Structures are given as C-alpha cells and as structure tokens.
Amino acid sequence: MRCLLCGKWCFSFLCSICRDRINISPKMRQLPFNFRVYSFYEYLHMQYLLQAKYHLIGHRIYEVLSHRAVAYLQDSLKVPFNTYGVGVDDKIGLKGYAHNAIFLKHLKKIGIKPLFHTLIASNEVSYAGRDLKFRQDNPRDFVLYRNLRGKEIILVDDIITTGLTLQEAKRSIEEAGGRVLMAFVLSDAST
C-alpha cells in the first residue's frame, strides 16, 4: 500500500518516515473559569489527518495520533489517583468507531480510567465549518449516561475551535456533581 502522506510504498497506511515526522506541538488554552485545554498538534499541519475521522481509515490515523500524544503525556503528566476520562459525544458513528473513544483508550496507559459512552449530545448538528453564531444558536444539549457525582474528570475531544462544546460539556458534568479538571484535545484549530 502507499503512505497517505508521501505516497511511497510501505506496509502501513503511514510509512515510518512520515510517522516520525508527526511532531507534538503542545499548547494550553485557557477558557473561562480557569478551564485549561491542552492540545498536542498544530492544526494547520494536521488538518488532513484529523479529517480522516470522516473516512474508513480514520480509526488508524486516530490510533497513531492518540498514541503519540499519550506517549508525550506519559513523561510530563501526573494525574490524580482516581481520575476518569470522558469523551465528548463518543458514540459510534457510521464508520464503525468513535474517534474520541480511541483517545480515551490510550489515556488508560497513564492511569486515566476511560468512561465510554458517557456524555452524548442530543442535538446531532455538525459544527464542522460553522461560525460562532451557529454554534451558540445550536447547543449540543448533552445527556449523561452515567453517574459522575464526586468523580474527577478529564474531558477528551479531537479538536477545539471556539471552545463552546467543551464549556457546555464541563457545565453538564459539573451540574451532575462531577468535577472537570481539564480537557485534552488532539488539536487546537484556533491557532
């Protein structure tokens, strides 16, 4: 098969050279109420790979990106003992996987306990390519499918743009008695 990035023949969807060129560029964005969102990849350099979530090969791309992000975190993050990871709207899509669930699964390697299919949007409108006004007029209206009272949570998503989705997710969890410590996203599209 051919490498998706350079087109060279290889035994995987990304050749080892291209896989090694995927650079971690950690950033932190501060949202209102001291809500910190940590990202790992430059959106402009990763947009092509992040958009793979809409295709059948997407799960393999998200495995690589998640694995590399968690490997970076492994050396720099000390998580509290009973910390849980909750994916933002991590339901299985038409492609047969939930991209945020892949990131959650990898976070287990550093002691973050994944809570799959916990925070699901009842409004399934797509925000891709939409402006701030559209996002404000169409909230996700999250439904919790698990009791989070007293739990310390790290939210997980693939991309942050305006931050509205993560803020709404945080509010939903905290109204249910959970405590959101921070969020991890693969990429920050605002930079």
C-alpha atoms as a PDB file:
ATOM      1  CA  MET A   1       0.000   0.000   0.000  1.00  0.00           C
ATOM      2  CA  ARG A   2       1.045   3.629  -0.266  1.00  0.00           C
ATOM      3  CA  CYS A   3       1.725   6.053   2.552  1.00  0.00           C
ATOM      4  CA  LEU A   4      -1.155   8.529   2.857  1.00  0.00           C
ATOM      5  CA  LEU A   5       1.247  11.432   3.288  1.00  0.00           C
ATOM      6  CA  CYS A   6       4.179  10.908   0.939  1.00  0.00           C
ATOM      7  CA  GLY A   7       2.839   8.235  -1.434  1.00  0.00           C
ATOM      8  CA  LYS A   8       5.803   5.868  -1.010  1.00  0.00           C
ATOM      9  CA  TRP A   9       5.169   2.140  -0.940  1.00  0.00           C
ATOM     10  CA  CYS A  10       5.116   0.714   2.596  1.00  0.00           C
ATOM     11  CA  PHE A  11       3.441  -1.953   4.732  1.00  0.00           C
ATOM     12  CA  SER A  12       1.212   0.501   6.584  1.00  0.00           C
ATOM     13  CA  PHE A  13      -1.038   3.475   5.876  1.00  0.00           C
ATOM     14  CA  LEU A  14       1.812   5.762   7.039  1.00  0.00           C
ATOM     15  CA  CYS A  15       5.458   4.996   6.318  1.00  0.00           C
ATOM     16  CA  SER A  16       7.889   5.090   9.235  1.00  0.00           C
ATOM     17  CA  ILE A  17       9.458   8.341   7.997  1.00  0.00           C
ATOM     18  CA  CYS A  18       6.129  10.177   7.856  1.00  0.00           C
ATOM     19  CA  ARG A  19       5.035   8.691  11.183  1.00  0.00           C
ATOM     20  CA  ASP A  20       8.223  10.021  12.791  1.00  0.00           C
ATOM     21  CA  ARG A  21       7.630  13.456  11.253  1.00  0.00           C
ATOM     22  CA  ILE A  22       4.345  13.898  13.110  1.00  0.00           C
ATOM     23  CA  ASN A  23       5.531  16.432  15.643  1.00  0.00           C
ATOM     24  CA  ILE A  24       3.996  17.036  19.024  1.00  0.00           C
ATOM     25  CA  SER A  25       3.445  20.781  19.493  1.00  0.00           C
ATOM     26  CA  PRO A  26       1.846  21.061  22.934  1.00  0.00           C
ATOM     27  CA  LYS A  27      -0.230  24.119  23.742  1.00  0.00           C
ATOM     28  CA  MET A  28      -2.564  25.173  26.503  1.00  0.00           C
ATOM     29  CA  ARG A  29      -5.617  27.357  26.018  1.00  0.00           C
ATOM     30  CA  GLN A  30      -7.365  28.950  28.970  1.00  0.00           C
ATOM     31  CA  LEU A  31     -11.161  29.049  28.712  1.00  0.00           C
ATOM     32  CA  PRO A  32     -13.400  30.981  31.153  1.00  0.00           C
ATOM     33  CA  PHE A  33     -13.419  29.907  34.812  1.00  0.00           C
ATOM     34  CA  ASN A  34      -9.816  28.684  34.714  1.00  0.00           C
ATOM     35  CA  PHE A  35     -10.701  25.773  32.417  1.00  0.00           C
ATOM     36  CA  ARG A  36      -7.493  24.593  30.767  1.00  0.00           C
ATOM     37  CA  VAL A  37      -7.490  22.772  27.448  1.00  0.00           C
ATOM     38  CA  TYR A  38      -4.291  21.045  26.367  1.00  0.00           C
ATOM     39  CA  SER A  39      -3.657  20.259  22.695  1.00  0.00           C
ATOM     40  CA  PHE A  40      -0.869  18.302  21.048  1.00  0.00           C
ATOM     41  CA  TYR A  41      -0.751  19.009  17.302  1.00  0.00           C
ATOM     42  CA  GLU A  42      -0.645  22.101  15.082  1.00  0.00           C
ATOM     43  CA  TYR A  43      -3.976  22.135  13.288  1.00  0.00           C
ATOM     44  CA  LEU A  44      -2.646  23.580  10.022  1.00  0.00           C
ATOM     45  CA  HIS A  45      -0.117  20.750   9.744  1.00  0.00           C
ATOM     46  CA  MET A  46      -2.530  18.035  10.863  1.00  0.00           C
ATOM     47  CA  GLN A  47      -5.823  19.067   9.256  1.00  0.00           C
ATOM     48  CA  TYR A  48      -5.568  16.385   6.580  1.00  0.00           C
ATOM     49  CA  LEU A  49      -5.020  13.637   9.143  1.00  0.00           C
ATOM     50  CA  LEU A  50      -7.657  14.934  11.576  1.00  0.00           C
ATOM     51  CA  GLN A  51     -10.265  14.985   8.805  1.00  0.00           C
ATOM     52  CA  ALA A  52      -9.654  11.251   8.353  1.00  0.00           C
ATOM     53  CA  LYS A  53     -12.290  10.691  11.043  1.00  0.00           C
ATOM     54  CA  TYR A  54     -14.858  11.004   8.244  1.00  0.00           C
ATOM     55  CA  HIS A  55     -13.333   8.045   6.359  1.00  0.00           C
ATOM     56  CA  LEU A  56     -12.906   4.331   6.969  1.00  0.00           C
ATOM     57  CA  ILE A  57      -9.148   4.675   7.550  1.00  0.00           C
ATOM     58  CA  GLY A  58      -9.787   7.294  10.263  1.00  0.00           C
ATOM     59  CA  HIS A  59      -9.501   4.930  13.202  1.00  0.00           C
ATOM     60  CA  ARG A  60      -5.953   4.011  12.189  1.00  0.00           C
ATOM     61  CA  ILE A  61      -4.934   7.668  11.946  1.00  0.00           C
ATOM     62  CA  TYR A  62      -6.505   8.425  15.320  1.00  0.00           C
ATOM     63  CA  GLU A  63      -4.671   5.445  16.846  1.00  0.00           C
ATOM     64  CA  VAL A  64      -1.322   6.917  15.754  1.00  0.00           C
ATOM     65  CA  LEU A  65      -2.155  10.475  16.847  1.00  0.00           C
ATOM     66  CA  SER A  66      -3.557   9.336  20.206  1.00  0.00           C
ATOM     67  CA  HIS A  67      -0.642   7.004  20.884  1.00  0.00           C
ATOM     68  CA  ARG A  68       1.906   9.773  20.231  1.00  0.00           C
ATOM     69  CA  ALA A  69       0.002  12.312  22.367  1.00  0.00           C
ATOM     70  CA  VAL A  70      -0.237   9.904  25.300  1.00  0.00           C
ATOM     71  CA  ALA A  71       3.451   8.974  24.962  1.00  0.00           C
ATOM     72  CA  TYR A  72       4.230  12.684  25.340  1.00  0.00           C
ATOM     73  CA  LEU A  73       1.924  12.951  28.374  1.00  0.00           C
ATOM     74  CA  GLN A  74       3.448   9.881  29.983  1.00  0.00           C
ATOM     75  CA  ASP A  75       6.667  11.788  30.642  1.00  0.00           C
ATOM     76  CA  SER A  76       5.089  15.079  31.718  1.00  0.00           C
ATOM     77  CA  LEU A  77       1.771  14.455  33.481  1.00  0.00           C
ATOM     78  CA  LYS A  78       0.986  13.157  36.922  1.00  0.00           C
ATOM     79  CA  VAL A  79      -2.755  12.519  37.155  1.00  0.00           C
ATOM     80  CA  PRO A  80      -4.626  12.317  40.448  1.00  0.00           C
ATOM     81  CA  PHE A  81      -5.262   8.749  41.631  1.00  0.00           C
ATOM     82  CA  ASN A  82      -8.983   8.484  40.790  1.00  0.00           C
ATOM     83  CA  THR A  83      -9.229  10.433  37.545  1.00  0.00           C
ATOM     84  CA  TYR A  84     -11.682   9.470  34.829  1.00  0.00           C
ATOM     85  CA  GLY A  85     -11.667  10.339  31.148  1.00  0.00           C
ATOM     86  CA  VAL A  86     -14.913  11.253  29.415  1.00  0.00           C
ATOM     87  CA  GLY A  87     -15.084  11.669  25.662  1.00  0.00           C
ATOM     88  CA  VAL A  88     -17.233  14.441  24.264  1.00  0.00           C
ATOM     89  CA  ASP A  89     -20.002  12.710  22.310  1.00  0.00           C
ATOM     90  CA  ASP A  90     -18.061   9.448  21.871  1.00  0.00           C
ATOM     91  CA  LYS A  91     -20.815   7.464  20.201  1.00  0.00           C
ATOM     92  CA  ILE A  92     -20.011   5.056  17.415  1.00  0.00           C
ATOM     93  CA  GLY A  93     -20.593   6.666  14.036  1.00  0.00           C
ATOM     94  CA  LEU A  94     -21.339   5.304  10.591  1.00  0.00           C
ATOM     95  CA  LYS A  95     -17.683   4.378  10.128  1.00  0.00           C
ATOM     96  CA  GLY A  96     -17.889   1.882  12.996  1.00  0.00           C
ATOM     97  CA  TYR A  97     -15.825   3.675  15.638  1.00  0.00           C
ATOM     98  CA  ALA A  98     -15.852   6.714  17.928  1.00  0.00           C
ATOM     99  CA  HIS A  99     -12.743   8.832  17.360  1.00  0.00           C
ATOM    100  CA  ASN A 100     -12.778  10.293  20.894  1.00  0.00           C
ATOM    101  CA  ALA A 101     -13.032   6.780  22.328  1.00  0.00           C
ATOM    102  CA  ILE A 102      -9.720   5.934  20.653  1.00  0.00           C
ATOM    103  CA  PHE A 103      -8.013   8.782  22.500  1.00  0.00           C
ATOM    104  CA  LEU A 104      -9.740   7.690  25.746  1.00  0.00           C
ATOM    105  CA  LYS A 105      -8.470   4.130  25.316  1.00  0.00           C
ATOM    106  CA  HIS A 106      -4.880   5.350  25.006  1.00  0.00           C
ATOM    107  CA  LEU A 107      -5.191   7.604  28.076  1.00  0.00           C
ATOM    108  CA  LYS A 108      -5.743   4.466  30.138  1.00  0.00           C
ATOM    109  CA  LYS A 109      -1.982   3.822  29.746  1.00  0.00           C
ATOM    110  CA  ILE A 110      -1.239   6.789  32.026  1.00  0.00           C
ATOM    111  CA  GLY A 111      -3.828   5.979  34.662  1.00  0.00           C
ATOM    112  CA  ILE A 112      -6.869   7.849  33.386  1.00  0.00           C
ATOM    113  CA  LYS A 113      -9.823   5.481  33.633  1.00  0.00           C
ATOM    114  CA  PRO A 114     -11.982   5.740  30.488  1.00  0.00           C
ATOM    115  CA  LEU A 115     -15.739   6.109  30.846  1.00  0.00           C
ATOM    116  CA  PHE A 116     -17.002   5.316  27.374  1.00  0.00           C
ATOM    117  CA  HIS A 117     -20.365   6.479  26.031  1.00  0.00           C
ATOM    118  CA  THR A 118     -20.986   8.772  28.975  1.00  0.00           C
ATOM    119  CA  LEU A 119     -21.601  12.273  27.580  1.00  0.00           C
ATOM    120  CA  ILE A 120     -23.723  12.165  24.421  1.00  0.00           C
ATOM    121  CA  ALA A 121     -25.177  15.102  22.514  1.00  0.00           C
ATOM    122  CA  SER A 122     -28.924  15.012  21.990  1.00  0.00           C
ATOM    123  CA  ASN A 123     -28.545  17.639  19.243  1.00  0.00           C
ATOM    124  CA  GLU A 124     -26.612  15.937  16.457  1.00  0.00           C
ATOM    125  CA  VAL A 125     -25.973  19.035  14.354  1.00  0.00           C
ATOM    126  CA  SER A 126     -22.496  19.187  12.816  1.00  0.00           C
ATOM    127  CA  TYR A 127     -20.310  22.142  13.779  1.00  0.00           C
ATOM    128  CA  ALA A 128     -17.732  21.467  11.064  1.00  0.00           C
ATOM    129  CA  GLY A 129     -17.088  24.706   9.190  1.00  0.00           C
ATOM    130  CA  ARG A 130     -19.781  26.596  11.134  1.00  0.00           C
ATOM    131  CA  ASP A 131     -19.327  30.022  12.700  1.00  0.00           C
ATOM    132  CA  LEU A 132     -19.601  31.049  16.357  1.00  0.00           C
ATOM    133  CA  LYS A 133     -23.184  32.326  15.988  1.00  0.00           C
ATOM    134  CA  PHE A 134     -24.353  28.968  14.579  1.00  0.00           C
ATOM    135  CA  ARG A 135     -22.631  27.116  17.431  1.00  0.00           C
ATOM    136  CA  GLN A 136     -24.208  29.413  20.029  1.00  0.00           C
ATOM    137  CA  ASP A 137     -27.672  29.000  18.466  1.00  0.00           C
ATOM    138  CA  ASN A 138     -27.370  25.190  18.348  1.00  0.00           C
ATOM    139  CA  PRO A 139     -26.029  23.866  21.663  1.00  0.00           C
ATOM    140  CA  ARG A 140     -25.201  20.170  21.952  1.00  0.00           C
ATOM    141  CA  ASP A 141     -27.662  19.561  24.816  1.00  0.00           C
ATOM    142  CA  PHE A 142     -25.592  16.809  26.401  1.00  0.00           C
ATOM    143  CA  VAL A 143     -27.150  13.845  28.172  1.00  0.00           C
ATOM    144  CA  LEU A 144     -25.170  11.946  30.809  1.00  0.00           C
ATOM    145  CA  TYR A 145     -25.472   8.159  30.722  1.00  0.00           C
ATOM    146  CA  ARG A 146     -23.501   7.549  33.906  1.00  0.00           C
ATOM    147  CA  ASN A 147     -23.434   8.932  37.435  1.00  0.00           C
ATOM    148  CA  LEU A 148     -20.404  11.234  37.719  1.00  0.00           C
ATOM    149  CA  ARG A 149     -21.144  12.621  41.184  1.00  0.00           C
ATOM    150  CA  GLY A 150     -17.885  13.077  43.088  1.00  0.00           C
ATOM    151  CA  LYS A 151     -15.682  11.957  40.188  1.00  0.00           C
ATOM    152  CA  GLU A 152     -12.714  13.960  38.877  1.00  0.00           C
ATOM    153  CA  ILE A 153     -12.960  14.150  35.095  1.00  0.00           C
ATOM    154  CA  ILE A 154     -10.669  14.945  32.191  1.00  0.00           C
ATOM    155  CA  LEU A 155     -12.685  15.758  29.080  1.00  0.00           C
ATOM    156  CA  VAL A 156     -11.422  14.400  25.762  1.00  0.00           C
ATOM    157  CA  ASP A 157     -12.167  15.685  22.263  1.00  0.00           C
ATOM    158  CA  ASP A 158     -10.395  15.716  18.926  1.00  0.00           C
ATOM    159  CA  ILE A 159     -10.415  19.427  18.020  1.00  0.00           C
ATOM    160  CA  ILE A 160     -11.196  22.652  19.833  1.00  0.00           C
ATOM    161  CA  THR A 161     -12.302  25.625  17.764  1.00  0.00           C
ATOM    162  CA  THR A 162     -14.362  28.122  19.753  1.00  0.00           C
ATOM    163  CA  GLY A 163     -14.377  26.108  22.985  1.00  0.00           C
ATOM    164  CA  LEU A 164     -18.172  26.210  23.298  1.00  0.00           C
ATOM    165  CA  THR A 165     -18.618  22.435  23.114  1.00  0.00           C
ATOM    166  CA  LEU A 166     -16.065  21.791  25.853  1.00  0.00           C
ATOM    167  CA  GLN A 167     -17.553  24.516  28.052  1.00  0.00           C
ATOM    168  CA  GLU A 168     -21.041  23.038  27.608  1.00  0.00           C
ATOM    169  CA  ALA A 169     -19.698  19.547  28.365  1.00  0.00           C
ATOM    170  CA  LYS A 170     -17.960  20.830  31.501  1.00  0.00           C
ATOM    171  CA  ARG A 171     -21.137  22.571  32.664  1.00  0.00           C
ATOM    172  CA  SER A 172     -23.196  19.391  32.125  1.00  0.00           C
ATOM    173  CA  ILE A 173     -20.782  17.276  34.161  1.00  0.00           C
ATOM    174  CA  GLU A 174     -20.482  19.798  36.971  1.00  0.00           C
ATOM    175  CA  GLU A 175     -24.263  20.220  37.199  1.00  0.00           C
ATOM    176  CA  ALA A 176     -24.400  16.450  37.723  1.00  0.00           C
ATOM    177  CA  GLY A 177     -21.892  16.637  40.583  1.00  0.00           C
ATOM    178  CA  GLY A 178     -18.644  15.796  38.782  1.00  0.00           C
ATOM    179  CA  ARG A 179     -15.515  17.945  38.806  1.00  0.00           C
ATOM    180  CA  VAL A 180     -13.793  18.672  35.483  1.00  0.00           C
ATOM    181  CA  LEU A 181     -10.050  19.107  35.980  1.00  0.00           C
ATOM    182  CA  MET A 182      -9.051  19.943  32.384  1.00  0.00           C
ATOM    183  CA  ALA A 183      -9.522  18.831  28.796  1.00  0.00           C
ATOM    184  CA  PHE A 184      -7.245  17.107  26.296  1.00  0.00           C
ATOM    185  CA  VAL A 185      -7.750  17.625  22.577  1.00  0.00           C
ATOM    186  CA  LEU A 186      -5.593  16.425  19.738  1.00  0.00           C
ATOM    187  CA  SER A 187      -5.507  19.837  18.082  1.00  0.00           C
ATOM    188  CA  ASP A 188      -6.489  23.474  18.615  1.00  0.00           C
ATOM    189  CA  ALA A 189      -7.948  24.856  15.383  1.00  0.00           C
ATOM    190  CA  SER A 190      -7.934  28.448  16.621  1.00  0.00           C
ATOM    191  CA  THR A 191      -4.180  28.870  16.214  1.00  0.00           C
END
